[in-house]
Amino acid sequence: MLFTSLDDLAAEISLTPMQALGIPVAIVGAVFLSVGTQFQHRGVDQFEGGDQRGAHLGGSAVLRLLRNPAWVVGTLLLGLAVVMQLGALALAPLIVVQPLGAVALVVTAILNARLAKIKLDHRTIRAIALCLVGIGIFVGVAAIFAVERPISDRQLLTVLALLVVGLAGVGVAWWFYRKRANAIFYIVTAGVLYGFVVTLSKIVINRIISGQFEWLTIVCGIGVVIALAAGSYAVQLAHASGPPDLVIAGLTVVDPLVAVLIGVTVLGEAAATPPWAIIVFAAAGAIAVTGVLQLARHHPQIRPLAEAPEETP
């Protein structure tokens, strides 16, 4: 009976060879994401290794970044990561390949520790482990029960409406709290926006493959560009406020959580999910978010605000 149930479960979640190809593509993209993030972080010269609140990048700072070799190389690598991610999304379901970006968290943590010549203490390692365990459980359950359904125009418009609301909410929050905003604010902002980028990209890819290239698909593409631009700017501000592995931790947790949440609530991918799995979703998401918060609190490159150097008037 047990083996029969396991065989049924394996048949339920098995991927076709073409879909399985999306897994190594996503992992390679995660490595590009990790290395590119490290280079970009080195290029953002405002970062001072502490809890720098109210970080900002004006027009002159952006121009300096464009002339910074490390930042440019990092941007090119991140571009390759995006290409690999889109390729993985075209091959396999979103909930299977998107969370594999968590591989970037491990690579970035090790790479940053070597380059910065720091030792990750047990609290930092525990926080990273919480991120990986939480997102792993979340996606594991999602991969078992989630189903892909044809996306209607109404669902597509709902996702676009949520993006508009999200952009407006982020803009208002940033306007009022920009002088006190820290790395967590910018990381969550980027993660939410990137979650929309991934979801809309998957929609655009599916509609193009199915021959539904019309005005709504073009609007989705515009939404992807806007969310990607705003999210990328938030990432640069996050680099100016915290270490690269904290940035990656936030993105690899918040991004897939948002994408899967949209898939569950709007796209109907959890129609066959039992109530107990919903509880597991919530618990796993809470574990992953706790890991990000703990990483922000205990990372050796984050100094408490009270210890940060005072600004000269």
Protein backbone atom coordinates (compact mmCIF):
# COMPACT_ATOMS: atom_id res chain seq x y z
CA MET A 1 0.00 0.00 0.00
CA LEU A 2 2.80 2.37 0.93
CA PHE A 3 4.78 1.65 -2.25
CA THR A 4 1.62 1.99 -4.32
CA SER A 5 0.99 5.42 -2.81
CA LEU A 6 4.59 6.43 -3.48
CA ASP A 7 4.32 5.27 -7.08
CA ASP A 8 1.11 7.26 -7.50
CA LEU A 9 2.78 10.33 -5.99
CA ALA A 10 5.82 9.98 -8.26
CA ALA A 11 3.56 9.70 -11.28
CA GLU A 12 1.69 12.78 -10.15
CA ILE A 13 4.74 15.02 -9.87
CA SER A 14 6.95 13.51 -12.60
CA LEU A 15 8.16 15.87 -15.31
CA THR A 16 8.59 15.21 -19.00
CA PRO A 17 12.21 15.12 -20.24
CA MET A 18 11.75 18.57 -21.78
CA GLN A 19 10.35 19.98 -18.52
CA ALA A 20 13.15 18.35 -16.52
CA LEU A 21 15.65 20.21 -18.73
CA GLY A 22 14.39 23.42 -17.11
CA ILE A 23 15.92 22.37 -13.78
CA PRO A 24 19.63 22.51 -14.77
CA VAL A 25 18.94 25.65 -16.81
CA ALA A 26 17.45 27.30 -13.70
CA ILE A 27 20.40 26.19 -11.56
CA VAL A 28 22.91 27.67 -14.01
CA GLY A 29 20.85 30.87 -13.99
CA ALA A 30 21.03 30.90 -10.19
CA VAL A 31 24.84 30.74 -10.34
CA PHE A 32 24.89 33.69 -12.77
CA LEU A 33 22.52 35.50 -10.39
CA SER A 34 24.86 34.92 -7.47
CA VAL A 35 28.06 36.02 -9.20
CA GLY A 36 26.35 38.97 -10.90
CA THR A 37 24.93 40.14 -7.58
CA GLN A 38 28.38 40.03 -6.02
CA PHE A 39 29.85 42.17 -8.83
CA GLN A 40 26.96 44.64 -8.70
CA HIS A 41 27.34 44.95 -4.97
CA ARG A 42 31.00 45.86 -5.35
CA GLY A 43 30.01 48.54 -7.82
CA VAL A 44 27.59 50.29 -5.46
CA ASP A 45 30.11 52.40 -3.60
CA GLN A 46 27.60 53.88 -1.13
CA PHE A 47 27.55 50.61 0.84
CA GLU A 48 29.40 50.99 4.12
CA GLY A 49 28.78 47.58 5.68
CA GLY A 50 26.16 48.71 8.17
CA ASP A 51 22.50 49.39 8.61
CA GLN A 52 22.53 52.43 6.34
CA ARG A 53 19.05 53.87 6.39
CA GLY A 54 17.75 56.24 3.75
CA ALA A 55 20.22 55.12 1.07
CA HIS A 56 19.63 56.79 -2.27
CA LEU A 57 21.02 56.72 -5.78
CA GLY A 58 20.60 59.94 -7.69
CA GLY A 59 21.24 60.61 -11.35
CA SER A 60 24.97 61.26 -10.86
CA ALA A 61 25.35 58.06 -8.83
CA VAL A 62 23.63 56.05 -11.59
CA LEU A 63 26.01 57.54 -14.17
CA ARG A 64 28.98 56.55 -11.99
CA LEU A 65 27.62 53.01 -11.81
CA LEU A 66 27.40 52.87 -15.60
CA ARG A 67 31.11 53.70 -15.72
CA ASN A 68 32.02 51.17 -13.02
CA PRO A 69 33.48 47.98 -14.59
CA ALA A 70 32.43 45.72 -11.69
CA TRP A 71 28.83 46.98 -11.82
CA VAL A 72 28.66 46.62 -15.60
CA VAL A 73 30.00 43.05 -15.47
CA GLY A 74 27.51 42.24 -12.72
CA THR A 75 24.67 43.68 -14.78
CA LEU A 76 25.68 41.59 -17.81
CA LEU A 77 25.79 38.45 -15.67
CA LEU A 78 22.37 39.28 -14.24
CA GLY A 79 21.14 39.71 -17.81
CA LEU A 80 22.37 36.19 -18.57
CA ALA A 81 20.62 34.99 -15.40
CA VAL A 82 17.35 36.51 -16.66
CA VAL A 83 17.78 34.80 -20.05
CA MET A 84 18.39 31.45 -18.34
CA GLN A 85 15.41 31.98 -16.07
CA LEU A 86 13.10 32.79 -18.97
CA GLY A 87 14.39 29.68 -20.75
CA ALA A 88 13.64 27.59 -17.67
CA LEU A 89 10.15 29.10 -17.43
CA ALA A 90 9.52 28.22 -21.06
CA LEU A 91 10.49 24.62 -20.37
CA ALA A 92 8.96 23.87 -16.97
CA PRO A 93 6.21 25.05 -14.61
CA LEU A 94 6.95 28.22 -12.65
CA ILE A 95 6.61 26.56 -9.24
CA VAL A 96 9.25 23.99 -10.17
CA VAL A 97 12.04 26.20 -11.51
CA GLN A 98 11.56 29.59 -9.86
CA PRO A 99 12.46 28.57 -6.29
CA LEU A 100 15.66 26.92 -7.53
CA GLY A 101 17.06 30.45 -7.33
CA ALA A 102 17.63 29.58 -3.67
CA VAL A 103 20.83 27.90 -4.90
CA ALA A 104 22.12 31.44 -5.42
CA LEU A 105 21.78 32.10 -1.69
CA VAL A 106 24.27 29.35 -0.80
CA VAL A 107 26.70 30.35 -3.57
CA THR A 108 26.49 34.04 -2.63
CA ALA A 109 26.98 33.39 1.09
CA ILE A 110 30.14 31.36 0.46
CA LEU A 111 31.47 33.73 -2.21
CA ASN A 112 30.82 36.87 -0.15
CA ALA A 113 32.42 35.36 2.96
CA ARG A 114 35.57 34.58 0.96
CA LEU A 115 35.78 37.97 -0.75
CA ALA A 116 34.94 39.99 2.37
CA LYS A 117 37.20 37.76 4.50
CA ILE A 118 34.54 37.22 7.12
CA LYS A 119 33.42 34.12 8.97
CA LEU A 120 29.73 33.29 9.00
CA ASP A 121 28.73 32.49 12.57
CA HIS A 122 26.20 29.85 13.58
CA ARG A 123 23.33 32.35 13.72
CA THR A 124 23.95 33.46 10.13
CA ILE A 125 24.24 29.87 8.91
CA ARG A 126 21.05 28.97 10.79
CA ALA A 127 19.24 31.90 9.15
CA ILE A 128 20.35 30.76 5.68
CA ALA A 129 19.24 27.22 6.50
CA LEU A 130 15.80 28.51 7.56
CA CYS A 131 15.45 30.30 4.21
CA LEU A 132 16.34 27.16 2.28
CA VAL A 133 14.20 24.80 4.36
CA GLY A 134 11.18 27.09 4.27
CA ILE A 135 11.26 27.72 0.54
CA GLY A 136 12.06 24.05 -0.13
CA ILE A 137 9.01 22.82 1.79
CA PHE A 138 6.81 25.49 0.24
CA VAL A 139 7.75 24.57 -3.29
CA GLY A 140 7.83 20.84 -2.64
CA VAL A 141 4.20 20.85 -1.59
CA ALA A 142 3.28 23.24 -4.41
CA ALA A 143 4.92 20.95 -6.97
CA ILE A 144 2.80 18.03 -5.77
CA PHE A 145 -0.61 19.65 -5.82
CA ALA A 146 -0.42 22.68 -8.12
CA VAL A 147 -1.78 22.42 -11.66
CA GLU A 148 -1.29 24.65 -14.68
CA ARG A 149 -4.50 25.92 -16.24
CA PRO A 150 -5.18 28.06 -19.31
CA ILE A 151 -5.00 31.72 -18.29
CA SER A 152 -8.07 33.74 -19.17
CA ASP A 153 -8.03 37.42 -20.09
CA ARG A 154 -9.83 38.18 -16.82
CA GLN A 155 -7.08 36.52 -14.78
CA LEU A 156 -4.42 38.35 -16.78
CA LEU A 157 -6.12 41.69 -16.13
CA THR A 158 -6.33 40.82 -12.42
CA VAL A 159 -2.57 40.24 -12.27
CA LEU A 160 -1.97 43.56 -14.06
CA ALA A 161 -4.33 45.33 -11.64
CA LEU A 162 -2.44 43.83 -8.69
CA LEU A 163 0.82 45.07 -10.23
CA VAL A 164 -0.57 48.61 -10.47
CA VAL A 165 -1.70 48.44 -6.84
CA GLY A 166 1.68 47.04 -5.80
CA LEU A 167 3.62 49.75 -7.64
CA ALA A 168 1.43 52.47 -6.14
CA GLY A 169 1.77 51.01 -2.63
CA VAL A 170 5.55 50.71 -2.90
CA GLY A 171 5.81 54.25 -4.28
CA VAL A 172 3.76 55.74 -1.45
CA ALA A 173 5.63 53.75 1.24
CA TRP A 174 8.99 54.80 -0.20
CA TRP A 175 7.98 58.47 -0.40
CA PHE A 176 7.02 58.62 3.27
CA TYR A 177 9.74 56.34 4.69
CA ARG A 178 12.63 56.85 2.26
CA LYS A 179 14.80 58.56 4.92
CA ARG A 180 14.36 55.62 7.31
CA ALA A 181 14.14 52.74 4.84
CA ASN A 182 16.74 50.01 5.36
CA ALA A 183 17.87 46.93 3.46
CA ILE A 184 14.82 44.85 4.42
CA PHE A 185 12.45 47.47 2.97
CA TYR A 186 14.28 47.55 -0.36
CA ILE A 187 14.70 43.76 -0.47
CA VAL A 188 10.99 43.12 0.15
CA THR A 189 10.12 45.78 -2.43
CA ALA A 190 12.38 44.19 -5.05
CA GLY A 191 11.14 40.69 -4.18
CA VAL A 192 7.49 41.67 -4.60
CA LEU A 193 8.15 43.39 -7.92
CA TYR A 194 10.28 40.51 -9.20
CA GLY A 195 7.49 38.13 -8.23
CA PHE A 196 5.25 40.03 -10.66
CA VAL A 197 8.03 40.02 -13.27
CA VAL A 198 8.27 36.23 -13.11
CA THR A 199 4.51 35.71 -13.17
CA LEU A 200 3.91 38.07 -16.08
CA SER A 201 6.90 36.63 -17.97
CA LYS A 202 5.46 33.16 -17.62
CA ILE A 203 2.09 34.44 -18.88
CA VAL A 204 3.73 36.15 -21.88
CA ILE A 205 5.75 33.04 -22.75
CA ASN A 206 2.69 30.79 -22.54
CA ARG A 207 0.58 33.10 -24.67
CA ILE A 208 3.27 33.41 -27.33
CA ILE A 209 3.75 29.63 -27.43
CA SER A 210 -0.01 29.13 -27.71
CA GLY A 211 -0.29 31.73 -30.49
CA GLN A 212 -2.16 34.33 -28.39
CA PHE A 213 0.06 37.29 -29.22
CA GLU A 214 -2.34 40.25 -29.06
CA TRP A 215 -2.70 43.57 -27.25
CA LEU A 216 -3.04 42.04 -23.79
CA THR A 217 0.21 40.16 -24.30
CA ILE A 218 1.91 43.43 -25.27
CA VAL A 219 0.49 45.12 -22.14
CA CYS A 220 1.90 42.24 -20.07
CA GLY A 221 5.29 42.79 -21.69
CA ILE A 222 5.16 46.48 -20.78
CA GLY A 223 4.24 45.51 -17.22
CA VAL A 224 7.28 43.22 -17.10
CA VAL A 225 9.59 46.05 -18.20
CA ILE A 226 8.15 48.53 -15.66
CA ALA A 227 8.26 46.06 -12.74
CA LEU A 228 11.78 44.94 -13.72
CA ALA A 229 13.06 48.54 -13.87
CA ALA A 230 11.53 49.47 -10.50
CA GLY A 231 12.70 46.21 -8.92
CA SER A 232 16.24 46.65 -10.26
CA TYR A 233 16.45 50.13 -8.73
CA ALA A 234 15.25 48.74 -5.39
CA VAL A 235 17.97 46.07 -5.61
CA GLN A 236 20.65 48.76 -6.03
CA LEU A 237 19.32 50.55 -2.95
CA ALA A 238 19.38 47.23 -1.10
CA HIS A 239 23.04 46.82 -2.09
CA ALA A 240 23.69 50.28 -0.66
CA SER A 241 22.13 49.18 2.63
CA GLY A 242 23.20 45.58 3.23
CA PRO A 243 25.48 42.68 2.19
CA PRO A 244 24.88 40.75 -1.05
CA ASP A 245 23.82 37.47 0.59
CA LEU A 246 21.10 39.33 2.49
CA VAL A 247 19.90 40.79 -0.82
CA ILE A 248 19.86 37.34 -2.42
CA ALA A 249 18.12 35.82 0.63
CA GLY A 250 15.30 38.34 0.39
CA LEU A 251 14.89 37.90 -3.36
CA THR A 252 14.99 34.09 -3.35
CA VAL A 253 12.37 33.98 -0.59
CA VAL A 254 10.03 36.87 -1.33
CA ASP A 255 10.13 36.50 -5.13
CA PRO A 256 8.92 32.87 -5.33
CA LEU A 257 6.46 33.34 -2.47
CA VAL A 258 4.78 36.21 -4.33
CA ALA A 259 4.83 34.35 -7.65
CA VAL A 260 3.35 31.19 -6.14
CA LEU A 261 0.81 33.20 -4.14
CA ILE A 262 -0.43 34.84 -7.34
CA GLY A 263 -0.53 31.45 -9.02
CA VAL A 264 -2.59 30.05 -6.16
CA THR A 265 -5.06 32.90 -5.62
CA VAL A 266 -5.46 34.32 -9.13
CA LEU A 267 -4.43 31.67 -11.64
CA GLY A 268 -6.16 28.80 -9.83
CA GLU A 269 -3.09 26.59 -9.56
CA ALA A 270 -4.14 25.33 -6.11
CA ALA A 271 -7.67 24.24 -6.99
CA ALA A 272 -6.82 20.63 -6.08
CA THR A 273 -4.80 21.48 -2.96
CA PRO A 274 -6.15 19.96 0.29
CA PRO A 275 -6.62 22.15 3.40
CA TRP A 276 -3.62 20.64 5.22
CA ALA A 277 -1.34 21.67 2.35
CA ILE A 278 -2.52 25.27 2.66
CA ILE A 279 -1.45 25.16 6.32
CA VAL A 280 1.96 23.79 5.26
CA PHE A 281 2.25 26.61 2.71
CA ALA A 282 1.69 29.20 5.44
CA ALA A 283 4.10 27.55 7.89
CA ALA A 284 6.85 27.09 5.29
CA GLY A 285 6.50 30.69 4.14
CA ALA A 286 6.75 31.89 7.74
CA ILE A 287 9.93 29.82 8.24
CA ALA A 288 11.54 31.31 5.12
CA VAL A 289 10.62 34.88 6.04
CA THR A 290 11.93 34.31 9.57
CA GLY A 291 15.23 33.24 8.04
CA VAL A 292 15.49 36.50 6.08
CA LEU A 293 14.73 38.58 9.18
CA GLN A 294 17.26 36.64 11.23
CA LEU A 295 19.87 37.08 8.51
CA ALA A 296 19.24 40.82 8.50
CA ARG A 297 19.65 40.89 12.27
CA HIS A 298 22.71 38.68 12.75
CA HIS A 299 24.75 38.97 9.57
CA PRO A 300 28.34 39.97 10.52
CA GLN A 301 28.35 42.75 7.89
CA ILE A 302 25.29 44.41 9.39
CA ARG A 303 26.02 46.75 12.26
CA PRO A 304 23.27 47.88 14.59
CA LEU A 305 22.09 51.40 13.82
CA ALA A 306 23.41 52.60 17.17
CA GLU A 307 26.93 51.51 16.19
CA ALA A 308 26.83 53.07 12.72
CA PRO A 309 28.93 56.19 12.28
CA GLU A 310 27.03 59.40 12.69
CA GLU A 311 26.50 61.51 9.60
CA THR A 312 28.36 64.77 9.45
CA PRO A 313 26.05 67.74 9.06
